[in-house]
Amino acid sequence: MTATPLVIPFRGIFYNGGRVRLESVVAPPYDVIPPGERGKYYGRSEYNVARLDFRAEEPGVDAYRAAADEMNSWERAGVLVRDAAQALYLLEQEFRAKDGCRKRRRGFIGLVRLEELFGGTIYPHEKTFPRQKEDRLRLLRATRAHFNPVFSLYSDAAGEAQRELDAAAEKKAEAEAADDDGTVHRVWRIAGEERIARLCSILRHSRVFIADGHHRYETSLAFMRESRASGGVFHGDEAFNYVMMYFVRVEDEGLDILPVHRLVRGLRGLTEGKLLRGLRKHFEVTPADRARTLESLNGTGGPRTYGLETRGNFYAMRLRAGTNLEAEMPSVSWRRRGLNVSIIQSLVIEPLTGGADEDQYGKVLYETDAAEAGRKVKAGECQAAVYLPPTSVGDMIEVVTAREIMPPKSTYFHPKPVSGLVMNRFSPGERYGGEWN
């Protein structure tokens, strides 16, 4: 195992533009598609990537095996094509940020050698759910494919990588698609041994922070362990030792983090009165204007201020002055104790749901769109929503460099790379030998 991140180029798999319209076949990552909307993407094309990455269950059918068989058929039919030569891939995303301004973000996609969590220089920052990892592991076993890159951050204060990416983007993009949110995703191949070597070298001198895709990263780790334990000679350059990753500079002005609001549902006996009585132990809870409160949360929000919505009312919540967080959150380190997501997790969510993360499964929903959160509460789909300000990149990095983990869904880096734009697939026994290892 290397002491620095080992990034290598690969032969990416793309949709054949002569056979399909790209916008009809890409889709959001599986974990942000509500199950009820899966059919929307299926209906856009018989080749939509959601049919592979988020396949619907059918009676008597192994959905994971069916996804692998379908991908095989698409490759045989020439719908999916693999690059002839190894490359890195520049991904540019042009989008509307939470402040309403149009922004642009550039990063690149490559393969990174897997490291055990906190075992090297790749740092996770969020807790994951075992149920989701099992689903991803079964899909990876069957398809041996990465449909969407793990999203990560690295530091490049001198801007060396940015200059390489800007130079690669001077020509016309080789693929372009707009998603439902109006984000335009563009891809260029980064070819040439010297340019590839320079980008890979920059990563060798930086820590890598996982921004999004923790379940996929941990799933790839589990598959690597399984593969190594299956017997045979281990060389270290086997394809199962790598995962596809999207690398973005921490310094990129296009980094945009949305708040992740918490909604609760299915909690027996929870009335608005009971909820307010419990919250007032730690918070001042007062009726408030919804629009003004949410707008303030998108700014600084004030010290430890949040929003609360029930079916008929909206409140501002402020942590009571003098609250002893060390006493109230004894199992939470001082680094995490002051984070808004930690305060809400420990003082609101855990008391309501029973404590453990797995106890929250199905009882807590996560929503970045405040309007959609409000709709779910008003429609009676959820009992209440708690609105938070966004977590900063600085806070995230401070926690993870101390090798600590934040609560689930602490961040939402916007926008996410779409699935199906660039893919990777490997065969049993495949090795990435040569100069890059």
Protein backbone atom coordinates (compact mmCIF):
# COMPACT_ATOMS: atom_id res chain seq x y z
CA MET A 1 0.00 0.00 0.00
CA THR A 2 1.37 3.39 -0.98
CA ALA A 3 1.78 6.24 1.49
CA THR A 4 0.30 8.72 -0.97
CA PRO A 5 -2.78 8.55 -3.21
CA LEU A 6 -2.02 6.53 -6.33
CA VAL A 7 -4.07 7.82 -9.26
CA ILE A 8 -3.91 6.19 -12.69
CA PRO A 9 -5.62 6.70 -16.06
CA PHE A 10 -8.05 4.13 -17.46
CA ARG A 11 -10.05 3.27 -20.55
CA GLY A 12 -13.39 4.86 -19.82
CA ILE A 13 -16.71 3.55 -21.10
CA PHE A 14 -19.05 6.02 -22.81
CA TYR A 15 -22.41 6.01 -24.48
CA ASN A 16 -22.15 5.95 -28.27
CA GLY A 17 -23.42 9.34 -29.40
CA GLY A 18 -24.37 7.86 -32.72
CA ARG A 19 -26.83 5.48 -31.06
CA VAL A 20 -28.35 7.53 -28.22
CA ARG A 21 -28.97 11.11 -27.14
CA LEU A 22 -26.80 11.57 -24.07
CA GLU A 23 -29.35 13.57 -22.07
CA SER A 24 -31.83 10.69 -22.35
CA VAL A 25 -29.46 8.08 -20.89
CA VAL A 26 -27.65 9.78 -17.99
CA ALA A 27 -29.29 10.01 -14.55
CA PRO A 28 -28.59 11.34 -11.06
CA PRO A 29 -26.70 9.07 -8.65
CA TYR A 30 -28.90 6.20 -7.45
CA ASP A 31 -29.15 7.54 -3.90
CA VAL A 32 -30.77 10.82 -4.89
CA ILE A 33 -33.47 9.27 -7.09
CA PRO A 34 -36.65 8.68 -5.07
CA PRO A 35 -37.90 5.12 -5.79
CA GLY A 36 -41.13 6.60 -7.14
CA GLU A 37 -39.19 8.53 -9.80
CA ARG A 38 -37.16 5.61 -11.11
CA GLY A 39 -39.72 5.08 -13.86
CA LYS A 40 -39.14 8.63 -15.13
CA TYR A 41 -35.59 7.74 -16.11
CA TYR A 42 -36.57 4.31 -17.41
CA GLY A 43 -39.09 6.02 -19.67
CA ARG A 44 -36.52 8.32 -21.25
CA SER A 45 -34.63 5.52 -22.96
CA GLU A 46 -34.32 1.76 -23.00
CA TYR A 47 -30.62 2.45 -22.44
CA ASN A 48 -30.89 4.81 -19.47
CA VAL A 49 -28.13 4.13 -16.93
CA ALA A 50 -30.70 3.88 -14.12
CA ARG A 51 -31.61 0.48 -15.58
CA LEU A 52 -28.12 -0.63 -14.54
CA ASP A 53 -27.33 1.45 -11.47
CA PHE A 54 -30.82 1.51 -9.89
CA ARG A 55 -32.57 -1.51 -11.29
CA ALA A 56 -36.13 -2.22 -10.19
CA GLU A 57 -36.93 -5.50 -8.45
CA GLU A 58 -38.92 -8.04 -10.46
CA PRO A 59 -40.49 -11.22 -9.06
CA GLY A 60 -38.18 -14.18 -9.53
CA VAL A 61 -35.42 -12.08 -11.11
CA ASP A 62 -32.00 -11.33 -9.63
CA ALA A 63 -31.90 -7.58 -10.28
CA TYR A 64 -28.12 -7.41 -9.96
CA ARG A 65 -27.47 -10.23 -12.41
CA ALA A 66 -30.03 -8.71 -14.76
CA ALA A 67 -28.17 -5.39 -14.65
CA ALA A 68 -24.92 -7.15 -15.58
CA ASP A 69 -26.60 -9.03 -18.44
CA GLU A 70 -28.14 -5.82 -19.76
CA MET A 71 -24.82 -4.00 -19.65
CA ASN A 72 -23.23 -6.89 -21.56
CA SER A 73 -25.90 -6.63 -24.24
CA TRP A 74 -25.43 -2.88 -24.59
CA GLU A 75 -21.70 -3.37 -25.06
CA ARG A 76 -22.24 -6.07 -27.68
CA ALA A 77 -24.70 -3.82 -29.52
CA GLY A 78 -22.25 -0.90 -29.55
CA VAL A 79 -24.42 1.31 -27.35
CA LEU A 80 -21.59 1.44 -24.83
CA VAL A 81 -18.03 1.80 -26.13
CA ARG A 82 -14.69 1.68 -24.36
CA ASP A 83 -11.89 4.13 -25.13
CA ALA A 84 -9.05 2.67 -27.14
CA ALA A 85 -6.36 4.22 -24.93
CA GLN A 86 -5.95 5.10 -21.28
CA ALA A 87 -6.83 8.64 -20.27
CA LEU A 88 -7.93 10.87 -17.44
CA TYR A 89 -11.20 12.74 -18.02
CA LEU A 90 -11.85 16.41 -17.37
CA LEU A 91 -15.36 17.01 -16.03
CA GLU A 92 -16.75 20.54 -16.07
CA GLN A 93 -20.07 21.39 -14.44
CA GLU A 94 -21.80 24.71 -15.11
CA PHE A 95 -24.63 25.27 -12.66
CA ARG A 96 -26.75 27.66 -10.64
CA ALA A 97 -25.41 27.91 -7.08
CA LYS A 98 -27.52 28.38 -3.95
CA ASP A 99 -26.89 32.14 -4.15
CA GLY A 100 -28.54 32.20 -7.59
CA CYS A 101 -25.33 32.87 -9.52
CA ARG A 102 -24.08 30.72 -12.37
CA LYS A 103 -20.84 28.98 -11.47
CA ARG A 104 -18.41 26.59 -13.09
CA ARG A 105 -16.43 23.79 -11.49
CA ARG A 106 -13.67 21.74 -13.07
CA GLY A 107 -12.15 18.50 -11.88
CA PHE A 108 -10.88 15.29 -13.38
CA ILE A 109 -11.80 11.62 -13.21
CA GLY A 110 -9.29 8.82 -12.75
CA LEU A 111 -8.85 5.58 -10.85
CA VAL A 112 -7.45 5.71 -7.34
CA ARG A 113 -5.94 2.80 -5.47
CA LEU A 114 -8.17 1.91 -2.53
CA GLU A 115 -6.96 2.47 1.03
CA GLU A 116 -8.54 1.32 4.25
CA LEU A 117 -10.49 4.10 5.95
CA PHE A 118 -8.05 6.39 7.78
CA GLY A 119 -5.31 3.95 6.80
CA GLY A 120 -3.51 6.31 4.47
CA THR A 121 -4.28 9.64 2.87
CA ILE A 122 -7.90 9.15 1.75
CA TYR A 123 -10.28 10.53 4.37
CA PRO A 124 -14.02 9.82 4.70
CA HIS A 125 -16.21 12.29 6.57
CA GLU A 126 -19.67 10.73 7.02
CA LYS A 127 -21.17 7.66 8.64
CA THR A 128 -22.73 5.19 6.24
CA PHE A 129 -25.69 2.79 6.42
CA PRO A 130 -25.04 -0.99 6.16
CA ARG A 131 -28.22 -1.60 4.13
CA GLN A 132 -27.09 0.71 1.34
CA LYS A 133 -23.60 -0.79 1.28
CA GLU A 134 -25.00 -4.30 0.88
CA ASP A 135 -27.06 -3.17 -2.12
CA ARG A 136 -24.02 -1.57 -3.78
CA LEU A 137 -21.83 -4.59 -3.02
CA ARG A 138 -24.24 -6.98 -4.70
CA LEU A 139 -24.34 -4.74 -7.76
CA LEU A 140 -20.53 -4.48 -7.90
CA ARG A 141 -20.12 -8.25 -7.60
CA ALA A 142 -22.47 -8.78 -10.53
CA THR A 143 -21.41 -5.97 -12.89
CA ARG A 144 -17.80 -5.19 -11.86
CA ALA A 145 -18.63 -1.66 -12.96
CA HIS A 146 -18.49 1.90 -11.61
CA PHE A 147 -21.37 3.96 -13.03
CA ASN A 148 -20.64 7.14 -11.09
CA PRO A 149 -17.35 8.39 -9.61
CA VAL A 150 -16.72 8.91 -5.93
CA PHE A 151 -16.51 12.70 -5.49
CA SER A 152 -13.39 13.88 -3.63
CA LEU A 153 -11.49 17.05 -2.74
CA TYR A 154 -7.76 17.75 -2.71
CA SER A 155 -5.62 20.83 -2.18
CA ASP A 156 -3.81 22.56 -5.04
CA ALA A 157 -3.16 26.03 -3.68
CA ALA A 158 -0.59 26.79 -6.38
CA GLY A 159 -3.16 26.06 -9.09
CA GLU A 160 -0.96 23.60 -10.99
CA ALA A 161 -3.80 21.17 -11.65
CA GLN A 162 -6.16 24.00 -12.58
CA ARG A 163 -3.79 25.17 -15.30
CA GLU A 164 -3.62 21.65 -16.72
CA LEU A 165 -7.40 21.37 -16.75
CA ASP A 166 -7.89 24.80 -18.30
CA ALA A 167 -5.47 23.88 -21.08
CA ALA A 168 -7.30 20.59 -21.73
CA ALA A 169 -10.62 22.47 -21.98
CA GLU A 170 -9.45 24.80 -24.76
CA LYS A 171 -10.81 22.42 -27.39
CA LYS A 172 -14.46 21.48 -27.87
CA ALA A 173 -15.91 19.12 -25.27
CA GLU A 174 -16.28 15.52 -26.42
CA ALA A 175 -19.52 14.95 -24.52
CA GLU A 176 -22.11 17.32 -23.09
CA ALA A 177 -25.44 16.84 -21.32
CA ALA A 178 -27.78 19.03 -19.30
CA ASP A 179 -29.61 17.49 -16.36
CA ASP A 180 -33.08 18.25 -14.97
CA ASP A 181 -31.70 21.00 -12.71
CA GLY A 182 -30.15 22.84 -15.64
CA THR A 183 -26.59 21.83 -14.78
CA VAL A 184 -24.49 21.32 -17.90
CA HIS A 185 -21.95 18.49 -17.65
CA ARG A 186 -19.05 18.49 -20.17
CA VAL A 187 -16.28 15.92 -20.60
CA TRP A 188 -12.89 16.07 -22.31
CA ARG A 189 -10.30 13.31 -22.61
CA ILE A 190 -6.97 14.23 -21.05
CA ALA A 191 -4.44 12.37 -23.16
CA GLY A 192 -0.69 12.57 -23.45
CA GLU A 193 1.66 10.88 -21.03
CA GLU A 194 3.23 14.12 -19.79
CA ARG A 195 -0.06 15.82 -18.89
CA ILE A 196 -1.42 12.66 -17.25
CA ALA A 197 1.82 12.24 -15.29
CA ARG A 198 1.70 15.86 -14.06
CA LEU A 199 -1.88 15.52 -12.78
CA CYS A 200 -1.19 12.19 -11.11
CA SER A 201 1.95 13.63 -9.53
CA ILE A 202 0.01 16.54 -7.98
CA LEU A 203 -2.30 14.07 -6.24
CA ARG A 204 0.68 12.20 -4.82
CA HIS A 205 1.41 15.24 -2.65
CA SER A 206 -2.11 15.86 -1.32
CA ARG A 207 -4.58 14.31 1.05
CA VAL A 208 -7.87 13.29 -0.54
CA PHE A 209 -11.17 13.98 1.23
CA ILE A 210 -14.26 12.04 0.17
CA ALA A 211 -17.01 14.60 -0.42
CA ASP A 212 -19.71 12.28 -1.76
CA GLY A 213 -19.95 8.57 -2.51
CA HIS A 214 -18.96 7.08 0.85
CA HIS A 215 -21.16 4.02 0.31
CA ARG A 216 -19.57 3.38 -3.09
CA TYR A 217 -16.05 3.78 -1.69
CA GLU A 218 -16.69 1.45 1.24
CA THR A 219 -18.38 -1.02 -1.09
CA SER A 220 -15.27 -1.08 -3.30
CA LEU A 221 -13.16 -1.68 -0.19
CA ALA A 222 -15.36 -4.63 0.78
CA PHE A 223 -15.11 -6.07 -2.74
CA MET A 224 -11.32 -5.67 -2.66
CA ARG A 225 -11.14 -7.58 0.63
CA GLU A 226 -13.36 -10.34 -0.75
CA SER A 227 -11.27 -10.62 -3.88
CA ARG A 228 -7.99 -10.78 -1.98
CA ALA A 229 -9.40 -13.42 0.36
CA SER A 230 -10.57 -15.63 -2.50
CA GLY A 231 -7.10 -17.09 -2.94
CA GLY A 232 -4.43 -16.92 -5.58
CA VAL A 233 -1.38 -14.71 -5.91
CA PHE A 234 -1.90 -11.05 -5.02
CA HIS A 235 0.12 -8.54 -7.08
CA GLY A 236 -1.36 -5.20 -5.99
CA ASP A 237 -2.23 -3.94 -9.48
CA GLU A 238 -5.42 -5.99 -9.86
CA ALA A 239 -8.37 -3.93 -11.07
CA PHE A 240 -10.37 -4.67 -7.93
CA ASN A 241 -7.88 -2.55 -5.96
CA TYR A 242 -9.16 0.63 -7.63
CA VAL A 243 -12.26 2.80 -7.70
CA MET A 244 -13.27 5.56 -10.11
CA MET A 245 -12.96 9.00 -8.49
CA TYR A 246 -13.71 12.61 -9.42
CA PHE A 247 -11.07 15.01 -8.03
CA VAL A 248 -11.91 18.67 -7.36
CA ARG A 249 -9.64 21.32 -5.84
CA VAL A 250 -10.63 22.55 -2.38
CA GLU A 251 -9.78 26.00 -3.71
CA ASP A 252 -12.20 25.76 -6.66
CA GLU A 253 -14.62 28.70 -6.58
CA GLY A 254 -17.33 26.38 -7.91
CA LEU A 255 -17.53 24.36 -4.71
CA ASP A 256 -21.10 24.70 -3.45
CA ILE A 257 -22.42 22.95 -0.33
CA LEU A 258 -26.14 22.77 0.32
CA PRO A 259 -27.68 22.23 3.76
CA VAL A 260 -29.20 18.81 4.37
CA HIS A 261 -32.45 19.17 6.29
CA ARG A 262 -33.87 16.41 8.51
CA LEU A 263 -37.45 15.14 8.32
CA VAL A 264 -38.97 12.62 10.72
CA ARG A 265 -41.83 10.25 10.06
CA GLY A 266 -43.52 7.22 11.50
CA LEU A 267 -42.84 8.16 15.14
CA ARG A 268 -45.72 6.85 17.22
CA GLY A 269 -47.36 9.24 19.63
CA LEU A 270 -45.43 12.27 18.38
CA THR A 271 -47.70 15.31 18.52
CA GLU A 272 -46.65 18.88 17.93
CA GLY A 273 -47.06 19.63 21.62
CA LYS A 274 -44.90 16.69 22.64
CA LEU A 275 -42.25 17.66 20.07
CA LEU A 276 -42.10 21.26 21.30
CA ARG A 277 -41.89 20.24 24.95
CA GLY A 278 -38.94 17.98 24.19
CA LEU A 279 -37.12 20.56 22.11
CA ARG A 280 -37.52 23.35 24.66
CA LYS A 281 -35.23 21.48 27.04
CA HIS A 282 -32.29 22.60 24.88
CA PHE A 283 -33.69 25.23 22.49
CA GLU A 284 -35.63 28.45 22.55
CA VAL A 285 -38.48 27.70 20.14
CA THR A 286 -40.54 30.66 18.91
CA PRO A 287 -43.01 31.16 16.03
CA ALA A 288 -41.22 32.66 13.04
CA ASP A 289 -41.61 33.68 9.43
CA ARG A 290 -40.63 30.72 7.26
CA ALA A 291 -39.08 32.63 4.36
CA ARG A 292 -37.00 34.93 6.56
CA THR A 293 -35.75 32.11 8.75
CA LEU A 294 -34.71 29.95 5.80
CA GLU A 295 -33.01 32.91 4.14
CA SER A 296 -31.03 33.57 7.31
CA LEU A 297 -29.90 29.93 7.42
CA ASN A 298 -28.50 30.25 3.91
CA GLY A 299 -26.32 33.04 5.25
CA THR A 300 -24.79 32.70 8.68
CA GLY A 301 -28.07 31.84 10.33
CA GLY A 302 -26.85 33.31 13.59
CA PRO A 303 -25.14 31.22 16.28
CA ARG A 304 -26.71 27.75 16.39
CA THR A 305 -30.03 28.77 14.93
CA TYR A 306 -32.33 26.38 13.05
CA GLY A 307 -35.83 26.14 11.64
CA LEU A 308 -38.64 23.76 12.63
CA GLU A 309 -41.73 23.05 10.58
CA THR A 310 -44.79 21.09 11.62
CA ARG A 311 -47.92 20.54 9.58
CA GLY A 312 -49.43 23.84 10.60
CA ASN A 313 -46.65 26.00 12.02
CA PHE A 314 -43.10 27.22 11.54
CA TYR A 315 -40.65 28.04 14.34
CA ALA A 316 -37.14 29.38 14.84
CA MET A 317 -34.97 27.27 17.13
CA ARG A 318 -31.97 28.68 18.94
CA LEU A 319 -29.74 26.66 21.26
CA ARG A 320 -30.27 27.96 24.79
CA ALA A 321 -27.47 30.13 26.12
CA GLY A 322 -25.34 28.32 28.62
CA THR A 323 -26.15 24.84 27.31
CA ASN A 324 -23.31 22.54 28.36
CA LEU A 325 -22.71 20.61 25.17
CA GLU A 326 -19.96 18.53 26.75
CA ALA A 327 -22.44 17.24 29.33
CA GLU A 328 -25.30 16.86 26.85
CA MET A 329 -23.16 15.20 24.15
CA PRO A 330 -20.58 13.19 26.15
CA SER A 331 -19.81 10.72 23.36
CA VAL A 332 -19.13 13.48 20.81
CA SER A 333 -15.61 14.94 20.58
CA TRP A 334 -15.00 18.65 21.06
CA ARG A 335 -14.26 19.01 17.32
CA ARG A 336 -17.67 17.72 16.33
CA ARG A 337 -19.62 19.08 19.28
CA GLY A 338 -19.99 22.57 17.87
CA LEU A 339 -21.13 21.47 14.41
CA ASN A 340 -24.76 22.20 13.63
CA VAL A 341 -25.29 18.69 12.23
CA SER A 342 -23.90 17.16 15.43
CA ILE A 343 -26.08 19.32 17.68
CA ILE A 344 -29.23 18.42 15.75
CA GLN A 345 -28.23 14.76 15.56
CA SER A 346 -27.55 14.44 19.31
CA LEU A 347 -30.20 16.76 20.78
CA VAL A 348 -33.06 16.27 18.31
CA ILE A 349 -32.82 13.23 16.03
CA GLU A 350 -31.43 10.63 18.43
CA PRO A 351 -33.91 11.37 21.24
CA LEU A 352 -36.79 11.20 18.76
CA THR A 353 -35.76 8.01 16.96
CA GLY A 354 -34.12 5.92 19.64
CA GLY A 355 -30.48 6.72 19.28
CA ALA A 356 -28.46 4.48 16.98
CA ASP A 357 -28.03 5.30 13.31
CA GLU A 358 -29.72 2.09 12.25
CA ASP A 359 -32.72 2.92 14.46
CA GLN A 360 -33.16 6.01 12.30
CA TYR A 361 -33.39 4.04 9.05
CA GLY A 362 -36.78 4.81 7.55
CA LYS A 363 -37.63 7.25 10.32
CA VAL A 364 -35.41 10.07 9.08
CA LEU A 365 -35.42 11.49 5.56
CA TYR A 366 -32.81 13.89 4.22
CA GLU A 367 -33.76 16.74 1.91
CA THR A 368 -31.75 19.61 0.43
CA ASP A 369 -34.76 21.39 -1.07
CA ALA A 370 -36.55 23.34 1.66
CA ALA A 371 -39.66 23.68 -0.51
CA GLU A 372 -39.89 19.93 -0.99
CA ALA A 373 -39.32 19.37 2.74
CA GLY A 374 -42.19 21.72 3.52
CA ARG A 375 -44.43 19.99 1.00
CA LYS A 376 -43.80 16.60 2.62
CA VAL A 377 -44.70 17.97 6.05
CA LYS A 378 -47.84 19.75 4.86
CA ALA A 379 -48.96 16.64 2.96
CA GLY A 380 -48.60 14.53 6.09
CA GLU A 381 -45.82 12.40 4.59
CA CYS A 382 -43.55 13.50 7.44
CA GLN A 383 -44.33 14.75 10.93
CA ALA A 384 -41.78 17.55 11.13
CA ALA A 385 -38.77 19.06 9.39
CA VAL A 386 -35.67 20.55 11.00
CA TYR A 387 -33.82 23.05 8.81
CA LEU A 388 -30.07 23.55 9.15
CA PRO A 389 -27.43 25.89 7.69
CA PRO A 390 -24.84 24.24 5.42
CA THR A 391 -21.67 22.68 6.78
CA SER A 392 -18.49 24.43 5.61
CA VAL A 393 -15.61 22.70 3.83
CA GLY A 394 -13.29 24.03 6.53
CA ASP A 395 -15.30 22.40 9.32
CA MET A 396 -15.41 19.13 7.41
CA ILE A 397 -11.66 19.06 6.83
CA GLU A 398 -10.89 19.96 10.46
CA VAL A 399 -12.93 16.98 11.66
CA VAL A 400 -11.68 14.40 9.17
CA THR A 401 -8.00 15.27 9.44
CA ALA A 402 -8.37 14.35 13.11
CA ARG A 403 -9.66 10.98 11.80
CA GLU A 404 -13.17 11.55 13.09
CA ILE A 405 -16.51 10.96 11.37
CA MET A 406 -19.48 13.31 11.08
CA PRO A 407 -23.16 12.25 11.29
CA PRO A 408 -24.81 10.77 8.18
CA LYS A 409 -25.66 13.26 5.43
CA SER A 410 -23.71 16.12 6.97
CA THR A 411 -22.97 17.68 3.60
CA TYR A 412 -24.42 17.86 0.11
CA PHE A 413 -21.90 18.95 -2.49
CA HIS A 414 -23.82 20.49 -5.38
CA PRO A 415 -24.03 19.51 -8.15
CA LYS A 416 -23.21 15.82 -8.17
CA PRO A 417 -21.70 14.17 -11.25
CA VAL A 418 -24.40 12.33 -13.19
CA SER A 419 -24.24 8.57 -13.61
CA GLY A 420 -23.42 7.24 -17.05
CA LEU A 421 -21.30 10.15 -18.28
CA VAL A 422 -18.02 8.27 -17.75
CA MET A 423 -18.01 4.65 -16.56
CA ASN A 424 -15.43 2.02 -15.71
CA ARG A 425 -15.68 -1.76 -15.91
CA PHE A 426 -13.16 -4.49 -15.24
CA SER A 427 -13.05 -8.20 -15.84
CA PRO A 428 -12.05 -10.99 -13.42
CA GLY A 429 -8.29 -11.22 -13.31
CA GLU A 430 -7.75 -7.85 -15.02
CA ARG A 431 -4.63 -5.97 -13.92
CA TYR A 432 -3.56 -2.35 -14.37
CA GLY A 433 0.12 -3.05 -14.83
CA GLY A 434 2.69 -0.84 -16.44
CA GLU A 435 4.24 2.53 -15.77
CA TRP A 436 1.34 3.96 -13.74
CA ASN A 437 1.68 1.44 -10.87
